Amino acid sequence: MNAAAGIITNNMETYVHRNSGVCSRSVTITYEGNIVKDVKFDGGCHGNTQGVAILCKDRPIDELIHLLRGIDCHNRGTSCPDQLAIALEEIKAKSN
């Protein structure tokens, strides 16, 4: 909020990624510029996906891609965190 002008600026966007090869069906990401504001998984291991979501809050997209890309779950070649990283890569590609 710009206190002097009393203007609230909200440039947040939401992106939904349909997951593939994992238990969670999708991941919804709310972001502002290059910063992730919120992550919600639909399905998956509830405790793990909640933990990943909380750790992602207010972090840069590039940092999260670096941390999460390539994580494997049960030799599936992907995981919920990896699917999140793929979604973040899609957001980056969309904004370029």
PDB file of N, CA and C in Angstrom:
ATOM      1  N   MET A   1       0.841  -1.181   0.000  1.00  0.00           N
ATOM      2  CA  MET A   1       0.000   0.000   0.000  1.00  0.00           C
ATOM      3  C   MET A   1       0.877   1.231   0.000  1.00  0.00           C
ATOM      4  N   ASN A   2       0.583   2.144  -0.856  1.00  0.00           N
ATOM      5  CA  ASN A   2       1.255   3.436  -0.898  1.00  0.00           C
ATOM      6  C   ASN A   2       0.535   4.338   0.094  1.00  0.00           C
ATOM      7  N   ALA A   3       1.152   4.544   1.273  1.00  0.00           N
ATOM      8  CA  ALA A   3       0.499   5.279   2.351  1.00  0.00           C
ATOM      9  C   ALA A   3       0.163   6.708   1.953  1.00  0.00           C
ATOM     10  N   ALA A   4       1.062   7.334   1.215  1.00  0.00           N
ATOM     11  CA  ALA A   4       0.842   8.731   0.839  1.00  0.00           C
ATOM     12  C   ALA A   4      -0.380   8.881  -0.055  1.00  0.00           C
ATOM     13  N   ALA A   5      -0.537   7.984  -0.989  1.00  0.00           N
ATOM     14  CA  ALA A   5      -1.648   8.092  -1.936  1.00  0.00           C
ATOM     15  C   ALA A   5      -2.858   7.266  -1.503  1.00  0.00           C
ATOM     16  N   GLY A   6      -2.664   6.372  -0.514  1.00  0.00           N
ATOM     17  CA  GLY A   6      -3.755   5.512  -0.083  1.00  0.00           C
ATOM     18  C   GLY A   6      -4.147   4.497  -1.135  1.00  0.00           C
ATOM     19  N   ILE A   7      -3.189   4.084  -1.971  1.00  0.00           N
ATOM     20  CA  ILE A   7      -3.454   3.157  -3.072  1.00  0.00           C
ATOM     21  C   ILE A   7      -2.901   1.781  -2.722  1.00  0.00           C
ATOM     22  N   ILE A   8      -3.724   0.783  -2.899  1.00  0.00           N
ATOM     23  CA  ILE A   8      -3.275  -0.591  -2.698  1.00  0.00           C
ATOM     24  C   ILE A   8      -2.871  -1.153  -4.052  1.00  0.00           C
ATOM     25  N   THR A   9      -1.634  -1.646  -4.134  1.00  0.00           N
ATOM     26  CA  THR A   9      -1.192  -2.264  -5.382  1.00  0.00           C
ATOM     27  C   THR A   9      -1.152  -3.764  -5.187  1.00  0.00           C
ATOM     28  N   ASN A  10      -1.757  -4.487  -6.093  1.00  0.00           N
ATOM     29  CA  ASN A  10      -1.807  -5.933  -6.026  1.00  0.00           C
ATOM     30  C   ASN A  10      -1.562  -6.475  -7.420  1.00  0.00           C
ATOM     31  N   ASN A  11      -0.352  -6.964  -7.639  1.00  0.00           N
ATOM     32  CA  ASN A  11       0.002  -7.520  -8.939  1.00  0.00           C
ATOM     33  C   ASN A  11       0.115  -9.037  -8.868  1.00  0.00           C
ATOM     34  N   MET A  12      -0.612  -9.651  -7.945  1.00  0.00           N
ATOM     35  CA  MET A  12      -0.522 -11.099  -7.790  1.00  0.00           C
ATOM     36  C   MET A  12      -1.267 -11.800  -8.916  1.00  0.00           C
ATOM     37  N   GLU A  13      -0.672 -12.917  -9.323  1.00  0.00           N
ATOM     38  CA  GLU A  13      -1.276 -13.767 -10.339  1.00  0.00           C
ATOM     39  C   GLU A  13      -1.355 -15.180  -9.795  1.00  0.00           C
ATOM     40  N   THR A  14      -2.247 -15.966 -10.357  1.00  0.00           N
ATOM     41  CA  THR A  14      -2.405 -17.357  -9.954  1.00  0.00           C
ATOM     42  C   THR A  14      -2.217 -18.250 -11.172  1.00  0.00           C
ATOM     43  N   TYR A  15      -1.514 -19.357 -10.955  1.00  0.00           N
ATOM     44  CA  TYR A  15      -1.239 -20.309 -12.035  1.00  0.00           C
ATOM     45  C   TYR A  15      -1.560 -21.713 -11.512  1.00  0.00           C
ATOM     46  N   VAL A  16      -2.313 -22.483 -12.288  1.00  0.00           N
ATOM     47  CA  VAL A  16      -2.649 -23.858 -11.924  1.00  0.00           C
ATOM     48  C   VAL A  16      -1.946 -24.805 -12.884  1.00  0.00           C
ATOM     49  N   HIS A  17      -1.216 -25.744 -12.307  1.00  0.00           N
ATOM     50  CA  HIS A  17      -0.479 -26.745 -13.086  1.00  0.00           C
ATOM     51  C   HIS A  17      -1.087 -28.116 -12.794  1.00  0.00           C
ATOM     52  N   ARG A  18      -1.470 -28.839 -13.839  1.00  0.00           N
ATOM     53  CA  ARG A  18      -1.968 -30.218 -13.698  1.00  0.00           C
ATOM     54  C   ARG A  18      -0.763 -31.139 -13.570  1.00  0.00           C
ATOM     55  N   ASN A  19      -0.637 -31.786 -12.432  1.00  0.00           N
ATOM     56  CA  ASN A  19       0.518 -32.643 -12.181  1.00  0.00           C
ATOM     57  C   ASN A  19       0.439 -33.951 -12.954  1.00  0.00           C
ATOM     58  N   SER A  20       1.589 -34.544 -13.173  1.00  0.00           N
ATOM     59  CA  SER A  20       1.685 -35.800 -13.904  1.00  0.00           C
ATOM     60  C   SER A  20       2.669 -36.722 -13.200  1.00  0.00           C
ATOM     61  N   GLY A  21       2.277 -37.969 -12.984  1.00  0.00           N
ATOM     62  CA  GLY A  21       3.174 -38.964 -12.422  1.00  0.00           C
ATOM     63  C   GLY A  21       3.289 -38.955 -10.910  1.00  0.00           C
ATOM     64  N   VAL A  22       2.437 -38.174 -10.235  1.00  0.00           N
ATOM     65  CA  VAL A  22       2.481 -38.087  -8.773  1.00  0.00           C
ATOM     66  C   VAL A  22       1.069 -38.227  -8.200  1.00  0.00           C
ATOM     67  N   CYS A  23       0.992 -38.353  -6.889  1.00  0.00           N
ATOM     68  CA  CYS A  23      -0.305 -38.516  -6.216  1.00  0.00           C
ATOM     69  C   CYS A  23      -1.158 -37.252  -6.251  1.00  0.00           C
ATOM     70  N   SER A  24      -0.520 -36.077  -6.137  1.00  0.00           N
ATOM     71  CA  SER A  24      -1.307 -34.838  -6.166  1.00  0.00           C
ATOM     72  C   SER A  24      -1.783 -34.575  -7.594  1.00  0.00           C
ATOM     73  N   ARG A  25      -3.006 -34.074  -7.698  1.00  0.00           N
ATOM     74  CA  ARG A  25      -3.609 -33.842  -9.005  1.00  0.00           C
ATOM     75  C   ARG A  25      -3.126 -32.536  -9.650  1.00  0.00           C
ATOM     76  N   SER A  26      -2.911 -31.526  -8.815  1.00  0.00           N
ATOM     77  CA  SER A  26      -2.488 -30.225  -9.344  1.00  0.00           C
ATOM     78  C   SER A  26      -1.809 -29.424  -8.250  1.00  0.00           C
ATOM     79  N   VAL A  27      -1.180 -28.329  -8.666  1.00  0.00           N
ATOM     80  CA  VAL A  27      -0.602 -27.373  -7.730  1.00  0.00           C
ATOM     81  C   VAL A  27      -1.003 -25.979  -8.209  1.00  0.00           C
ATOM     82  N   THR A  28      -1.486 -25.167  -7.276  1.00  0.00           N
ATOM     83  CA  THR A  28      -1.880 -23.795  -7.569  1.00  0.00           C
ATOM     84  C   THR A  28      -0.870 -22.862  -6.917  1.00  0.00           C
ATOM     85  N   ILE A  29      -0.318 -21.972  -7.718  1.00  0.00           N
ATOM     86  CA  ILE A  29       0.732 -21.060  -7.257  1.00  0.00           C
ATOM     87  C   ILE A  29       0.228 -19.631  -7.405  1.00  0.00           C
ATOM     88  N   THR A  30       0.311 -18.885  -6.327  1.00  0.00           N
ATOM     89  CA  THR A  30       0.050 -17.458  -6.369  1.00  0.00           C
ATOM     90  C   THR A  30       1.399 -16.771  -6.262  1.00  0.00           C
ATOM     91  N   TYR A  31       1.647 -15.836  -7.168  1.00  0.00           N
ATOM     92  CA  TYR A  31       2.954 -15.183  -7.194  1.00  0.00           C
ATOM     93  C   TYR A  31       2.797 -13.710  -7.540  1.00  0.00           C
ATOM     94  N   GLU A  32       3.799 -12.945  -7.158  1.00  0.00           N
ATOM     95  CA  GLU A  32       3.845 -11.527  -7.477  1.00  0.00           C
ATOM     96  C   GLU A  32       5.228 -11.240  -8.039  1.00  0.00           C
ATOM     97  N   GLY A  33       5.281 -10.924  -9.319  1.00  0.00           N
ATOM     98  CA  GLY A  33       6.575 -10.759  -9.970  1.00  0.00           C
ATOM     99  C   GLY A  33       7.320 -12.081  -9.952  1.00  0.00           C
ATOM    100  N   ASN A  34       8.491 -12.089  -9.348  1.00  0.00           N
ATOM    101  CA  ASN A  34       9.321 -13.292  -9.272  1.00  0.00           C
ATOM    102  C   ASN A  34       9.258 -13.940  -7.887  1.00  0.00           C
ATOM    103  N   ILE A  35       8.276 -13.558  -7.070  1.00  0.00           N
ATOM    104  CA  ILE A  35       8.178 -14.068  -5.701  1.00  0.00           C
ATOM    105  C   ILE A  35       6.915 -14.910  -5.538  1.00  0.00           C
ATOM    106  N   VAL A  36       7.099 -16.128  -5.024  1.00  0.00           N
ATOM    107  CA  VAL A  36       5.970 -17.016  -4.739  1.00  0.00           C
ATOM    108  C   VAL A  36       5.320 -16.550  -3.441  1.00  0.00           C
ATOM    109  N   LYS A  37       4.024 -16.354  -3.477  1.00  0.00           N
ATOM    110  CA  LYS A  37       3.287 -15.899  -2.307  1.00  0.00           C
ATOM    111  C   LYS A  37       2.527 -17.028  -1.626  1.00  0.00           C
ATOM    112  N   ASP A  38       2.063 -18.013  -2.415  1.00  0.00           N
ATOM    113  CA  ASP A  38       1.283 -19.108  -1.839  1.00  0.00           C
ATOM    114  C   ASP A  38       1.338 -20.312  -2.771  1.00  0.00           C
ATOM    115  N   VAL A  39       1.346 -21.498  -2.185  1.00  0.00           N
ATOM    116  CA  VAL A  39       1.320 -22.755  -2.939  1.00  0.00           C
ATOM    117  C   VAL A  39       0.279 -23.656  -2.295  1.00  0.00           C
ATOM    118  N   LYS A  40      -0.574 -24.257  -3.122  1.00  0.00           N
ATOM    119  CA  LYS A  40      -1.566 -25.219  -2.628  1.00  0.00           C
ATOM    120  C   LYS A  40      -1.576 -26.427  -3.550  1.00  0.00           C
ATOM    121  N   PHE A  41      -1.358 -27.598  -2.969  1.00  0.00           N
ATOM    122  CA  PHE A  41      -1.446 -28.847  -3.713  1.00  0.00           C
ATOM    123  C   PHE A  41      -2.844 -29.413  -3.555  1.00  0.00           C
ATOM    124  N   ASP A  42      -3.369 -30.009  -4.618  1.00  0.00           N
ATOM    125  CA  ASP A  42      -4.643 -30.718  -4.577  1.00  0.00           C
ATOM    126  C   ASP A  42      -4.319 -32.200  -4.508  1.00  0.00           C
ATOM    127  N   GLY A  43      -4.445 -32.769  -3.322  1.00  0.00           N
ATOM    128  CA  GLY A  43      -4.108 -34.175  -3.116  1.00  0.00           C
ATOM    129  C   GLY A  43      -2.653 -34.334  -2.732  1.00  0.00           C
ATOM    130  N   GLY A  44      -2.189 -35.567  -2.755  1.00  0.00           N
ATOM    131  CA  GLY A  44      -0.811 -35.861  -2.367  1.00  0.00           C
ATOM    132  C   GLY A  44      -0.700 -36.143  -0.884  1.00  0.00           C
ATOM    133  N   CYS A  45       0.507 -36.311  -0.413  1.00  0.00           N
ATOM    134  CA  CYS A  45       0.779 -36.562   1.003  1.00  0.00           C
ATOM    135  C   CYS A  45       0.610 -35.251   1.754  1.00  0.00           C
ATOM    136  N   HIS A  46      -0.474 -35.132   2.479  1.00  0.00           N
ATOM    137  CA  HIS A  46      -0.892 -33.860   3.060  1.00  0.00           C
ATOM    138  C   HIS A  46       0.201 -33.164   3.876  1.00  0.00           C
ATOM    139  N   GLY A  47       0.848 -33.874   4.758  1.00  0.00           N
ATOM    140  CA  GLY A  47       1.892 -33.264   5.583  1.00  0.00           C
ATOM    141  C   GLY A  47       3.060 -32.772   4.756  1.00  0.00           C
ATOM    142  N   ASN A  48       3.488 -33.588   3.811  1.00  0.00           N
ATOM    143  CA  ASN A  48       4.625 -33.205   2.968  1.00  0.00           C
ATOM    144  C   ASN A  48       4.301 -32.020   2.073  1.00  0.00           C
ATOM    145  N   THR A  49       3.131 -32.042   1.444  1.00  0.00           N
ATOM    146  CA  THR A  49       2.791 -30.939   0.544  1.00  0.00           C
ATOM    147  C   THR A  49       2.568 -29.647   1.325  1.00  0.00           C
ATOM    148  N   GLN A  50       2.032 -29.743   2.553  1.00  0.00           N
ATOM    149  CA  GLN A  50       1.894 -28.552   3.398  1.00  0.00           C
ATOM    150  C   GLN A  50       3.269 -27.992   3.749  1.00  0.00           C
ATOM    151  N   GLY A  51       4.195 -28.878   4.083  1.00  0.00           N
ATOM    152  CA  GLY A  51       5.548 -28.442   4.420  1.00  0.00           C
ATOM    153  C   GLY A  51       6.232 -27.755   3.258  1.00  0.00           C
ATOM    154  N   VAL A  52       6.132 -28.350   2.080  1.00  0.00           N
ATOM    155  CA  VAL A  52       6.738 -27.746   0.886  1.00  0.00           C
ATOM    156  C   VAL A  52       6.111 -26.374   0.638  1.00  0.00           C
ATOM    157  N   ALA A  53       4.791 -26.292   0.746  1.00  0.00           N
ATOM    158  CA  ALA A  53       4.090 -25.033   0.487  1.00  0.00           C
ATOM    159  C   ALA A  53       4.559 -23.927   1.433  1.00  0.00           C
ATOM    160  N   ILE A  54       4.680 -24.228   2.706  1.00  0.00           N
ATOM    161  CA  ILE A  54       5.106 -23.224   3.680  1.00  0.00           C
ATOM    162  C   ILE A  54       6.537 -22.772   3.410  1.00  0.00           C
ATOM    163  N   LEU A  55       7.399 -23.705   3.053  1.00  0.00           N
ATOM    164  CA  LEU A  55       8.799 -23.361   2.791  1.00  0.00           C
ATOM    165  C   LEU A  55       8.975 -22.518   1.527  1.00  0.00           C
ATOM    166  N   CYS A  56       7.999 -22.567   0.631  1.00  0.00           N
ATOM    167  CA  CYS A  56       8.086 -21.808  -0.619  1.00  0.00           C
ATOM    168  C   CYS A  56       7.625 -20.359  -0.476  1.00  0.00           C
ATOM    169  N   LYS A  57       6.867 -20.074   0.546  1.00  0.00           N
ATOM    170  CA  LYS A  57       6.259 -18.747   0.711  1.00  0.00           C
ATOM    171  C   LYS A  57       7.314 -17.639   0.773  1.00  0.00           C
ATOM    172  N   ASP A  58       7.093 -16.611  -0.033  1.00  0.00           N
ATOM    173  CA  ASP A  58       7.937 -15.407  -0.094  1.00  0.00           C
ATOM    174  C   ASP A  58       9.361 -15.676  -0.576  1.00  0.00           C
ATOM    175  N   ARG A  59       9.533 -16.716  -1.383  1.00  0.00           N
ATOM    176  CA  ARG A  59      10.854 -17.025  -1.951  1.00  0.00           C
ATOM    177  C   ARG A  59      10.834 -16.779  -3.461  1.00  0.00           C
ATOM    178  N   PRO A  60      11.999 -16.447  -4.020  1.00  0.00           N
ATOM    179  CA  PRO A  60      12.090 -16.216  -5.468  1.00  0.00           C
ATOM    180  C   PRO A  60      11.862 -17.498  -6.279  1.00  0.00           C
ATOM    181  N   ILE A  61      11.219 -17.349  -7.411  1.00  0.00           N
ATOM    182  CA  ILE A  61      10.932 -18.473  -8.300  1.00  0.00           C
ATOM    183  C   ILE A  61      12.207 -19.216  -8.691  1.00  0.00           C
ATOM    184  N   ASP A  62      13.246 -18.489  -9.076  1.00  0.00           N
ATOM    185  CA  ASP A  62      14.496 -19.136  -9.507  1.00  0.00           C
ATOM    186  C   ASP A  62      15.116 -19.974  -8.388  1.00  0.00           C
ATOM    187  N   GLU A  63      15.078 -19.477  -7.181  1.00  0.00           N
ATOM    188  CA  GLU A  63      15.623 -20.218  -6.039  1.00  0.00           C
ATOM    189  C   GLU A  63      14.863 -21.523  -5.832  1.00  0.00           C
ATOM    190  N   LEU A  64      13.546 -21.464  -5.931  1.00  0.00           N
ATOM    191  CA  LEU A  64      12.727 -22.668  -5.728  1.00  0.00           C
ATOM    192  C   LEU A  64      12.944 -23.682  -6.842  1.00  0.00           C
ATOM    193  N   ILE A  65      13.065 -23.225  -8.075  1.00  0.00           N
ATOM    194  CA  ILE A  65      13.347 -24.149  -9.178  1.00  0.00           C
ATOM    195  C   ILE A  65      14.653 -24.880  -8.900  1.00  0.00           C
ATOM    196  N   HIS A  66      15.667 -24.129  -8.508  1.00  0.00           N
ATOM    197  CA  HIS A  66      16.984 -24.712  -8.211  1.00  0.00           C
ATOM    198  C   HIS A  66      16.893 -25.754  -7.088  1.00  0.00           C
ATOM    199  N   LEU A  67      16.118 -25.475  -6.057  1.00  0.00           N
ATOM    200  CA  LEU A  67      16.011 -26.383  -4.909  1.00  0.00           C
ATOM    201  C   LEU A  67      15.163 -27.628  -5.181  1.00  0.00           C
ATOM    202  N   LEU A  68      14.101 -27.478  -5.972  1.00  0.00           N
ATOM    203  CA  LEU A  68      13.098 -28.535  -6.091  1.00  0.00           C
ATOM    204  C   LEU A  68      13.192 -29.387  -7.352  1.00  0.00           C
ATOM    205  N   ARG A  69      13.777 -28.853  -8.419  1.00  0.00           N
ATOM    206  CA  ARG A  69      13.814 -29.576  -9.702  1.00  0.00           C
ATOM    207  C   ARG A  69      14.626 -30.845  -9.582  1.00  0.00           C
ATOM    208  N   GLY A  70      14.038 -31.951 -10.011  1.00  0.00           N
ATOM    209  CA  GLY A  70      14.739 -33.232 -10.043  1.00  0.00           C
ATOM    210  C   GLY A  70      14.521 -34.112  -8.826  1.00  0.00           C
ATOM    211  N   ILE A  71      13.790 -33.635  -7.824  1.00  0.00           N
ATOM    212  CA  ILE A  71      13.502 -34.484  -6.664  1.00  0.00           C
ATOM    213  C   ILE A  71      12.610 -35.629  -7.139  1.00  0.00           C
ATOM    214  N   ASP A  72      12.951 -36.843  -6.729  1.00  0.00           N
ATOM    215  CA  ASP A  72      12.248 -38.047  -7.186  1.00  0.00           C
ATOM    216  C   ASP A  72      11.476 -38.690  -6.036  1.00  0.00           C
ATOM    217  N   CYS A  73      10.307 -39.214  -6.314  1.00  0.00           N
ATOM    218  CA  CYS A  73       9.485 -39.921  -5.328  1.00  0.00           C
ATOM    219  C   CYS A  73       9.257 -41.353  -5.815  1.00  0.00           C
ATOM    220  N   HIS A  74       9.783 -42.307  -5.078  1.00  0.00           N
ATOM    221  CA  HIS A  74       9.572 -43.735  -5.371  1.00  0.00           C
ATOM    222  C   HIS A  74       9.932 -44.121  -6.802  1.00  0.00           C
ATOM    223  N   ASN A  75      11.039 -43.607  -7.302  1.00  0.00           N
ATOM    224  CA  ASN A  75      11.533 -43.923  -8.648  1.00  0.00           C
ATOM    225  C   ASN A  75      10.525 -43.621  -9.760  1.00  0.00           C
ATOM    226  N   ARG A  76       9.734 -42.591  -9.579  1.00  0.00           N
ATOM    227  CA  ARG A  76       8.754 -42.190 -10.592  1.00  0.00           C
ATOM    228  C   ARG A  76       9.363 -41.242 -11.631  1.00  0.00           C
ATOM    229  N   GLY A  77      10.549 -40.731 -11.320  1.00  0.00           N
ATOM    230  CA  GLY A  77      11.152 -39.752 -12.205  1.00  0.00           C
ATOM    231  C   GLY A  77      10.671 -38.341 -11.942  1.00  0.00           C
ATOM    232  N   THR A  78       9.804 -38.189 -10.968  1.00  0.00           N
ATOM    233  CA  THR A  78       9.267 -36.885 -10.576  1.00  0.00           C
ATOM    234  C   THR A  78       8.752 -36.978  -9.146  1.00  0.00           C
ATOM    235  N   SER A  79       8.232 -35.888  -8.640  1.00  0.00           N
ATOM    236  CA  SER A  79       7.664 -35.824  -7.294  1.00  0.00           C
ATOM    237  C   SER A  79       6.785 -34.581  -7.231  1.00  0.00           C
ATOM    238  N   CYS A  80       6.080 -34.403  -6.133  1.00  0.00           N
ATOM    239  CA  CYS A  80       5.285 -33.175  -5.980  1.00  0.00           C
ATOM    240  C   CYS A  80       6.179 -31.932  -6.008  1.00  0.00           C
ATOM    241  N   PRO A  81       7.326 -31.925  -5.287  1.00  0.00           N
ATOM    242  CA  PRO A  81       8.205 -30.756  -5.401  1.00  0.00           C
ATOM    243  C   PRO A  81       8.730 -30.551  -6.825  1.00  0.00           C
ATOM    244  N   ASP A  82       9.047 -31.630  -7.532  1.00  0.00           N
ATOM    245  CA  ASP A  82       9.514 -31.522  -8.907  1.00  0.00           C
ATOM    246  C   ASP A  82       8.410 -30.955  -9.802  1.00  0.00           C
ATOM    247  N   GLN A  83       7.177 -31.383  -9.599  1.00  0.00           N
ATOM    248  CA  GLN A  83       6.058 -30.851 -10.375  1.00  0.00           C
ATOM    249  C   GLN A  83       5.874 -29.358 -10.106  1.00  0.00           C
ATOM    250  N   LEU A  84       6.082 -28.948  -8.858  1.00  0.00           N
ATOM    251  CA  LEU A  84       6.039 -27.525  -8.511  1.00  0.00           C
ATOM    252  C   LEU A  84       7.129 -26.766  -9.269  1.00  0.00           C
ATOM    253  N   ALA A  85       8.331 -27.322  -9.317  1.00  0.00           N
ATOM    254  CA  ALA A  85       9.425 -26.686 -10.051  1.00  0.00           C
ATOM    255  C   ALA A  85       9.092 -26.571 -11.544  1.00  0.00           C
ATOM    256  N   ILE A  86       8.482 -27.600 -12.102  1.00  0.00           N
ATOM    257  CA  ILE A  86       8.076 -27.561 -13.512  1.00  0.00           C
ATOM    258  C   ILE A  86       7.054 -26.448 -13.729  1.00  0.00           C
ATOM    259  N   ALA A  87       6.095 -26.333 -12.811  1.00  0.00           N
ATOM    260  CA  ALA A  87       5.097 -25.264 -12.902  1.00  0.00           C
ATOM    261  C   ALA A  87       5.760 -23.893 -12.831  1.00  0.00           C
ATOM    262  N   LEU A  88       6.751 -23.742 -11.954  1.00  0.00           N
ATOM    263  CA  LEU A  88       7.465 -22.469 -11.839  1.00  0.00           C
ATOM    264  C   LEU A  88       8.243 -22.153 -13.114  1.00  0.00           C
ATOM    265  N   GLU A  89       8.798 -23.188 -13.742  1.00  0.00           N
ATOM    266  CA  GLU A  89       9.473 -22.983 -15.034  1.00  0.00           C
ATOM    267  C   GLU A  89       8.470 -22.507 -16.088  1.00  0.00           C
ATOM    268  N   GLU A  90       7.253 -23.052 -16.040  1.00  0.00           N
ATOM    269  CA  GLU A  90       6.210 -22.632 -16.982  1.00  0.00           C
ATOM    270  C   GLU A  90       5.831 -21.168 -16.749  1.00  0.00           C
ATOM    271  N   ILE A  91       5.766 -20.761 -15.487  1.00  0.00           N
ATOM    272  CA  ILE A  91       5.469 -19.358 -15.159  1.00  0.00           C
ATOM    273  C   ILE A  91       6.566 -18.464 -15.724  1.00  0.00           C
ATOM    274  N   LYS A  92       7.828 -18.857 -15.523  1.00  0.00           N
ATOM    275  CA  LYS A  92       8.934 -18.064 -16.056  1.00  0.00           C
ATOM    276  C   LYS A  92       8.864 -17.943 -17.570  1.00  0.00           C
ATOM    277  N   ALA A  93       8.588 -19.053 -18.249  1.00  0.00           N
ATOM    278  CA  ALA A  93       8.508 -19.046 -19.719  1.00  0.00           C
ATOM    279  C   ALA A  93       7.358 -18.157 -20.197  1.00  0.00           C
ATOM    280  N   LYS A  94       6.267 -18.188 -19.469  1.00  0.00           N
ATOM    281  CA  LYS A  94       5.093 -17.393 -19.823  1.00  0.00           C
ATOM    282  C   LYS A  94       5.379 -15.893 -19.703  1.00  0.00           C
ATOM    283  N   SER A  95       6.200 -15.523 -18.734  1.00  0.00           N
ATOM    284  CA  SER A  95       6.470 -14.101 -18.505  1.00  0.00           C
ATOM    285  C   SER A  95       7.608 -13.545 -19.359  1.00  0.00           C
ATOM    286  N   ASN A  96       8.312 -14.423 -20.078  1.00  0.00           N
ATOM    287  CA  ASN A  96       9.418 -13.948 -20.936  1.00  0.00           C
ATOM    288  C   ASN A  96       8.959 -13.627 -22.326  1.00  0.00           C
TER     289      ASN A  96
END
